[in-house]
Each structure stands twice: as C-alpha cells, then as structure tokens.
C-alpha cells in the first residue's frame, strides 16, 4: 500500500531498524491486536501498540474507571473516573495515533462470547487480573489456534509467557484454577504501579515481534521478575503431554466459565 510522507516521519525510528524497515511498518499497519483488559497491563500495552502503528486495536473491558485505578492504569486520567474504561482508552489511543482503528467491547469475556471476539485478531494480549479470564483466554486461543501473551502481576512481581499453537500453553504450566482463598487479590496484597507498566510493555514488545516475525518470543519460556530487587529470571518450559486441553488425550473439549479470585503468580510472593 505504501507509506505516506507523514507516516514515514511518524515511524522513522522503526523504519531505520533493519529488522523492521518500511515493509515491517506496513505489516504492522495491516495487523490486528486484541487487548483483553484495559487496566494495569492493557494500558501500557495499548499505548505502545498504538504508537507503533498497529492498524487495528481491540479493547475488551466491562468496567468503569475507578480512582484507585489511576495509580497504575496510565491510559486513564482523573477526569475519566466513572467512565467506561474502553471509551476512556479509545479516546487516548485515537488522539495518540489517527492511523489506528480502535474497536471497543464493553463487556467481560465469557465462554459464550470470547470465540467471536478473538476471531478477527492476529494476536491476543491477556491483560486481565483474574483466574476465570486467564484460563478462558488460554482455552479459547488453543481452540482457535490464536497466539497470545499471558501476563500476571502482584505486589512487586510479574510473570509472562507467550503461547503459539503447538507450544506450551497456560494450562501446561498451571493446569487449573486454584481453590478460593489461596491467592490474595490485588486489592488485598497491593501492586507497585510501575510493575504493571513493566509487564504491559513486555507484552507489547512480544506482540510487535510476533507481527514482524522477528526475534525470539517467550514461547516455551516463563519470564518472571521481582521489581523490589530488580531481578529477572527465565524458566524453560515443556509442553505437557497430559495437558487437559492441548495434550495427547485432552479432557477439555468446550469453553467453561470459572468462578475464582483475582491475580496470581507462579512463584512465591
């Protein structure tokens, strides 16, 4: 399609990268990324993907902006309190980059709507804060063979991995939601605001590298970090042949809604 003079200037720092160039930038402009959750993780991810010129961004969130969100959900401002998060976020993204088409879904994901929502997108970012959504996103993406980035944060900790069809999925590592009351919620345990920014930015970088077909993604790897001591660790993963959804004899054959508490991390908190 070719880039306009304005786009060449806007994306010049991408275009001079040998692994992006004009061809790569055009590929981004033709790409579609869905962000489920317009909060702590989804906010920085959406801003960086819009700035990068990803042509279509989908935003899924059924909540309204709360004053307590503003400590970390940087896409929302004080004047946005009580507004729908997807509308608040859409306004900022369109102001940042008019090249980007923003589609909003003022809802949460459920077993009966997620397949239709994710269908048109090239890559999905899990920016949710609860177990039901995380397992549902994984299962829907496995069924639809859609790549996605998982993210989880709590206190000073973050973790992320990227799923591609045929590789380790979320259930290969975590199997099933934990019992109620085992894991504290973000509102109970707290979260350092910048941790959300760190992880959401990593998820955006994963999406961009996937769309460009460049670099080594976090497939079959779990990246964890502790921002209190600023320590990062990568754990190699293996696809579980007994995984209930992507294993040799899957027992999960349809999408299910779970009722569980929010937030989780694999390692000790």
Protein backbone atom coordinates (compact mmCIF):
# COMPACT_ATOMS: atom_id res chain seq x y z
CA UNK A 1 0.00 0.00 0.00
CA UNK A 2 2.99 2.32 0.57
CA UNK A 3 3.60 4.75 3.43
CA UNK A 4 2.64 8.41 3.26
CA UNK A 5 5.17 11.14 3.94
CA UNK A 6 3.56 11.71 7.33
CA UNK A 7 3.80 8.01 8.21
CA UNK A 8 7.43 7.87 7.12
CA UNK A 9 8.17 10.69 9.55
CA UNK A 10 6.00 9.27 12.36
CA UNK A 11 7.54 5.78 12.18
CA UNK A 12 11.04 6.83 11.15
CA UNK A 13 12.70 5.24 14.20
CA UNK A 14 11.10 1.94 13.22
CA UNK A 15 11.90 2.28 9.55
CA UNK A 16 15.64 2.75 10.12
CA UNK A 17 15.77 -0.55 12.04
CA UNK A 18 16.95 -3.25 9.65
CA UNK A 19 14.58 -5.77 11.25
CA UNK A 20 11.56 -3.51 10.71
CA UNK A 21 12.03 -1.14 7.78
CA UNK A 22 9.24 0.14 5.59
CA UNK A 23 7.98 -3.34 4.83
CA UNK A 24 7.73 -4.20 8.51
CA UNK A 25 5.94 -0.96 9.30
CA UNK A 26 3.39 -1.65 6.58
CA UNK A 27 2.89 -5.09 8.09
CA UNK A 28 2.16 -3.50 11.49
CA UNK A 29 -0.35 -1.11 9.93
CA UNK A 30 -2.19 -4.09 8.47
CA UNK A 31 -2.17 -6.07 11.72
CA UNK A 32 -4.85 -6.53 14.38
CA UNK A 33 -4.21 -7.00 18.11
CA UNK A 34 -6.84 -7.63 20.77
CA UNK A 35 -6.19 -6.48 24.34
CA UNK A 36 -8.40 -8.10 26.95
CA UNK A 37 -8.41 -5.81 29.97
CA UNK A 38 -7.90 -2.04 29.71
CA UNK A 39 -6.23 -1.81 33.10
CA UNK A 40 -2.73 -2.06 34.53
CA UNK A 41 -1.32 -4.31 31.81
CA UNK A 42 -3.59 -3.33 28.96
CA UNK A 43 -2.98 0.41 29.39
CA UNK A 44 0.77 0.48 28.59
CA UNK A 45 0.39 -2.31 26.03
CA UNK A 46 -2.30 -0.39 24.16
CA UNK A 47 -0.37 2.88 24.21
CA UNK A 48 2.80 1.32 22.81
CA UNK A 49 0.97 -0.70 20.17
CA UNK A 50 -0.95 2.39 19.03
CA UNK A 51 2.24 4.44 18.96
CA UNK A 52 3.89 1.67 16.93
CA UNK A 53 1.17 1.88 14.30
CA UNK A 54 -0.63 -1.43 14.77
CA UNK A 55 -3.54 -0.82 12.40
CA UNK A 56 -6.41 -2.22 14.47
CA UNK A 57 -6.58 -2.48 18.23
CA UNK A 58 -9.46 -4.20 20.01
CA UNK A 59 -10.16 -3.34 23.65
CA UNK A 60 -12.25 -5.61 25.87
CA UNK A 61 -13.30 -4.43 29.33
CA UNK A 62 -16.64 -4.20 31.09
CA UNK A 63 -15.53 -1.95 33.97
CA UNK A 64 -15.57 1.77 34.62
CA UNK A 65 -12.55 3.81 35.72
CA UNK A 66 -12.12 3.96 39.50
CA UNK A 67 -9.94 6.46 41.35
CA UNK A 68 -7.81 3.60 42.72
CA UNK A 69 -7.00 2.55 39.12
CA UNK A 70 -5.06 5.71 38.37
CA UNK A 71 -2.01 4.64 40.39
CA UNK A 72 -1.06 2.22 37.58
CA UNK A 73 -3.57 2.35 34.69
CA UNK A 74 -1.82 5.15 32.86
CA UNK A 75 -4.20 5.40 29.92
CA UNK A 76 -6.92 6.80 32.22
CA UNK A 77 -6.89 10.30 33.74
CA UNK A 78 -8.60 11.81 36.79
CA UNK A 79 -11.38 13.26 34.64
CA UNK A 80 -12.14 9.73 33.38
CA UNK A 81 -13.29 8.41 36.76
CA UNK A 82 -16.66 6.63 36.32
CA UNK A 83 -16.29 6.50 32.52
CA UNK A 84 -16.21 3.14 30.75
CA UNK A 85 -12.58 2.04 30.53
CA UNK A 86 -12.85 1.09 26.86
CA UNK A 87 -14.14 4.56 25.95
CA UNK A 88 -11.53 6.33 28.06
CA UNK A 89 -8.79 4.23 26.47
CA UNK A 90 -10.14 4.62 22.93
CA UNK A 91 -10.09 8.42 23.27
CA UNK A 92 -6.41 8.44 24.25
CA UNK A 93 -5.36 5.99 21.53
CA UNK A 94 -7.12 7.87 18.77
CA UNK A 95 -5.56 11.11 19.98
CA UNK A 96 -2.13 9.48 20.01
CA UNK A 97 -2.29 8.00 16.52
CA UNK A 98 -5.06 8.62 13.96
CA UNK A 99 -3.67 5.76 11.84
CA UNK A 100 -5.09 3.27 14.34
CA UNK A 101 -8.64 1.93 14.26
CA UNK A 102 -9.85 1.20 17.82
CA UNK A 103 -12.67 -1.29 18.32
CA UNK A 104 -14.26 -1.47 21.77
CA UNK A 105 -16.11 -4.28 23.52
CA UNK A 106 -17.73 -3.05 26.73
CA UNK A 107 -18.01 -6.48 28.27
CA UNK A 108 -16.04 -9.13 30.04
CA UNK A 109 -15.07 -12.29 28.22
CA UNK A 110 -17.22 -15.34 28.82
CA UNK A 111 -17.45 -18.80 27.34
CA UNK A 112 -20.30 -17.69 25.08
CA UNK A 113 -18.66 -14.56 23.59
CA UNK A 114 -14.88 -14.94 23.53
CA UNK A 115 -14.58 -17.07 20.40
CA UNK A 116 -16.43 -14.48 18.33
CA UNK A 117 -14.43 -11.60 19.82
CA UNK A 118 -10.98 -13.08 19.17
CA UNK A 119 -11.78 -14.42 15.70
CA UNK A 120 -10.56 -11.48 13.60
CA UNK A 121 -7.36 -10.71 15.52
CA UNK A 122 -3.79 -11.78 14.77
CA UNK A 123 -2.54 -11.69 18.37
CA UNK A 124 -4.22 -11.50 21.78
CA UNK A 125 -2.87 -9.88 24.95
CA UNK A 126 -4.18 -11.13 28.29
CA UNK A 127 -4.27 -8.03 30.47
CA UNK A 128 -6.78 -9.46 32.94
CA UNK A 129 -6.43 -9.77 36.71
CA UNK A 130 -8.46 -12.89 37.39
CA UNK A 131 -8.23 -16.64 37.03
CA UNK A 132 -11.53 -17.20 35.18
CA UNK A 133 -10.47 -14.89 32.36
CA UNK A 134 -6.91 -16.23 32.17
CA UNK A 135 -7.97 -19.85 31.80
CA UNK A 136 -10.77 -18.90 29.42
CA UNK A 137 -8.41 -16.86 27.22
CA UNK A 138 -5.95 -19.74 27.10
CA UNK A 139 -8.61 -22.29 26.22
CA UNK A 140 -10.23 -20.10 23.57
CA UNK A 141 -6.87 -19.34 21.96
CA UNK A 142 -5.84 -23.01 21.97
CA UNK A 143 -9.13 -23.99 20.31
CA UNK A 144 -8.87 -21.18 17.75
CA UNK A 145 -5.08 -21.57 17.31
CA UNK A 146 -4.53 -17.93 18.19
CA UNK A 147 -1.21 -16.72 19.65
CA UNK A 148 -1.44 -14.79 22.90
CA UNK A 149 0.65 -13.21 25.64
CA UNK A 150 -0.15 -14.14 29.24
CA UNK A 151 0.65 -11.65 31.99
CA UNK A 152 0.26 -11.71 35.76
CA UNK A 153 1.29 -9.20 38.44
CA UNK A 154 1.12 -8.92 42.22
CA UNK A 155 2.98 -6.73 44.73
CA UNK A 156 6.46 -6.28 43.17
CA UNK A 157 6.30 -9.36 40.93
CA UNK A 158 5.44 -10.02 37.31
CA UNK A 159 5.36 -13.02 35.01
CA UNK A 160 4.67 -13.55 31.34
CA UNK A 161 4.80 -16.20 28.65
CA UNK A 162 3.71 -16.34 25.01
CA UNK A 163 1.61 -19.10 23.55
CA UNK A 164 1.90 -20.18 19.93
CA UNK A 165 -0.05 -23.15 18.51
CA UNK A 166 1.91 -26.34 19.09
CA UNK A 167 3.87 -24.90 22.03
CA UNK A 168 3.43 -24.79 25.81
CA UNK A 169 0.06 -23.35 26.80
CA UNK A 170 -1.01 -21.76 30.10
CA UNK A 171 -2.61 -25.00 31.29
CA UNK A 172 0.59 -26.93 30.59
CA UNK A 173 2.11 -24.88 33.41
CA UNK A 174 -0.79 -24.11 35.75
CA UNK A 175 -3.29 -26.86 34.84
CA UNK A 176 -6.38 -25.49 36.63
CA UNK A 177 -7.53 -22.55 38.77
CA UNK A 178 -6.54 -22.71 42.46
CA UNK A 179 -9.09 -23.11 45.25
CA UNK A 180 -10.77 -19.98 46.51
CA UNK A 181 -8.90 -18.06 49.20
CA UNK A 182 -5.45 -19.49 48.38
CA UNK A 183 -4.18 -16.47 46.45
CA UNK A 184 -4.74 -12.88 47.68
CA UNK A 185 -6.32 -10.32 45.43
CA UNK A 186 -4.51 -7.24 44.13
CA UNK A 187 -6.68 -5.08 46.37
CA UNK A 188 -5.64 -7.20 49.38
CA UNK A 189 -1.94 -7.63 48.59
CA UNK A 190 -1.22 -4.45 46.64
CA UNK A 191 0.74 -3.76 43.46
CA UNK A 192 3.57 -1.33 42.72
CA UNK A 193 2.19 0.72 39.86
CA UNK A 194 5.34 0.65 37.73
CA UNK A 195 5.33 -3.17 37.76
CA UNK A 196 2.19 -3.10 35.62
CA UNK A 197 3.95 -0.78 33.19
CA UNK A 198 6.99 -3.01 33.01
CA UNK A 199 5.00 -6.12 32.22
CA UNK A 200 2.50 -4.49 29.88
CA UNK A 201 5.39 -3.06 27.87
CA UNK A 202 6.98 -6.51 27.59
CA UNK A 203 3.66 -7.88 26.34
CA UNK A 204 3.50 -5.13 23.72
CA UNK A 205 7.03 -5.99 22.60
CA UNK A 206 6.02 -9.65 22.26
CA UNK A 207 3.07 -8.67 20.08
CA UNK A 208 5.20 -6.45 17.86
CA UNK A 209 7.91 -9.08 17.40
CA UNK A 210 5.30 -11.70 16.58
CA UNK A 211 3.67 -9.45 13.98
CA UNK A 212 7.05 -8.64 12.45
CA UNK A 213 8.23 -12.25 12.59
CA UNK A 214 11.47 -11.18 14.28
CA UNK A 215 13.33 -12.14 17.44
CA UNK A 216 12.89 -14.96 19.94
CA UNK A 217 9.47 -14.91 21.57
CA UNK A 218 8.71 -16.10 25.09
CA UNK A 219 7.35 -19.37 23.77
CA UNK A 220 8.15 -22.37 25.96
CA UNK A 221 9.61 -19.90 28.47
CA UNK A 222 8.23 -18.17 31.57
CA UNK A 223 9.79 -14.78 32.30
CA UNK A 224 9.48 -13.69 35.93
CA UNK A 225 10.80 -10.60 37.65
CA UNK A 226 10.86 -9.00 41.07
CA UNK A 227 10.98 -5.21 40.86
CA UNK A 228 11.82 -4.85 44.56
CA UNK A 229 15.30 -6.31 43.95
CA UNK A 230 15.15 -5.84 40.16
CA UNK A 231 15.88 -9.47 39.43
CA UNK A 232 14.76 -11.24 36.27
CA UNK A 233 14.60 -14.98 35.65
CA UNK A 234 13.60 -17.09 32.66
CA UNK A 235 12.36 -20.64 33.19
CA UNK A 236 12.32 -23.03 30.24
CA UNK A 237 9.01 -24.84 29.82
CA UNK A 238 7.98 -28.05 28.12
CA UNK A 239 4.64 -28.82 26.58
CA UNK A 240 2.80 -31.18 28.91
CA UNK A 241 1.61 -34.34 27.10
CA UNK A 242 -1.02 -34.70 29.86
CA UNK A 243 -2.27 -31.12 29.48
CA UNK A 244 -6.08 -31.23 29.71
CA UNK A 245 -6.55 -29.07 26.62
CA UNK A 246 -3.53 -29.39 24.32
CA UNK A 247 -2.16 -32.75 25.46
CA UNK A 248 -2.33 -36.15 23.79
CA UNK A 249 -5.71 -37.01 25.34
CA UNK A 250 -7.49 -33.71 26.05
CA UNK A 251 -10.33 -33.76 28.55
CA UNK A 252 -11.42 -30.15 27.94
CA UNK A 253 -13.47 -30.02 24.76
CA UNK A 254 -15.53 -26.87 25.30
CA UNK A 255 -15.17 -23.46 26.91
CA UNK A 256 -16.20 -23.13 30.56
CA UNK A 257 -16.70 -20.13 32.87
CA UNK A 258 -14.97 -20.45 36.24
CA UNK A 259 -15.58 -18.54 39.46
CA UNK A 260 -12.29 -17.79 41.15
CA UNK A 261 -10.39 -15.00 42.97
CA UNK A 262 -8.22 -12.44 41.16
CA UNK A 263 -4.49 -12.22 40.46
CA UNK A 264 -1.89 -14.96 40.52
CA UNK A 265 1.80 -15.66 40.30
CA UNK A 266 3.65 -18.93 39.89
CA UNK A 267 6.46 -18.11 42.28
CA UNK A 268 6.43 -17.18 45.95
CA UNK A 269 5.12 -13.76 46.77
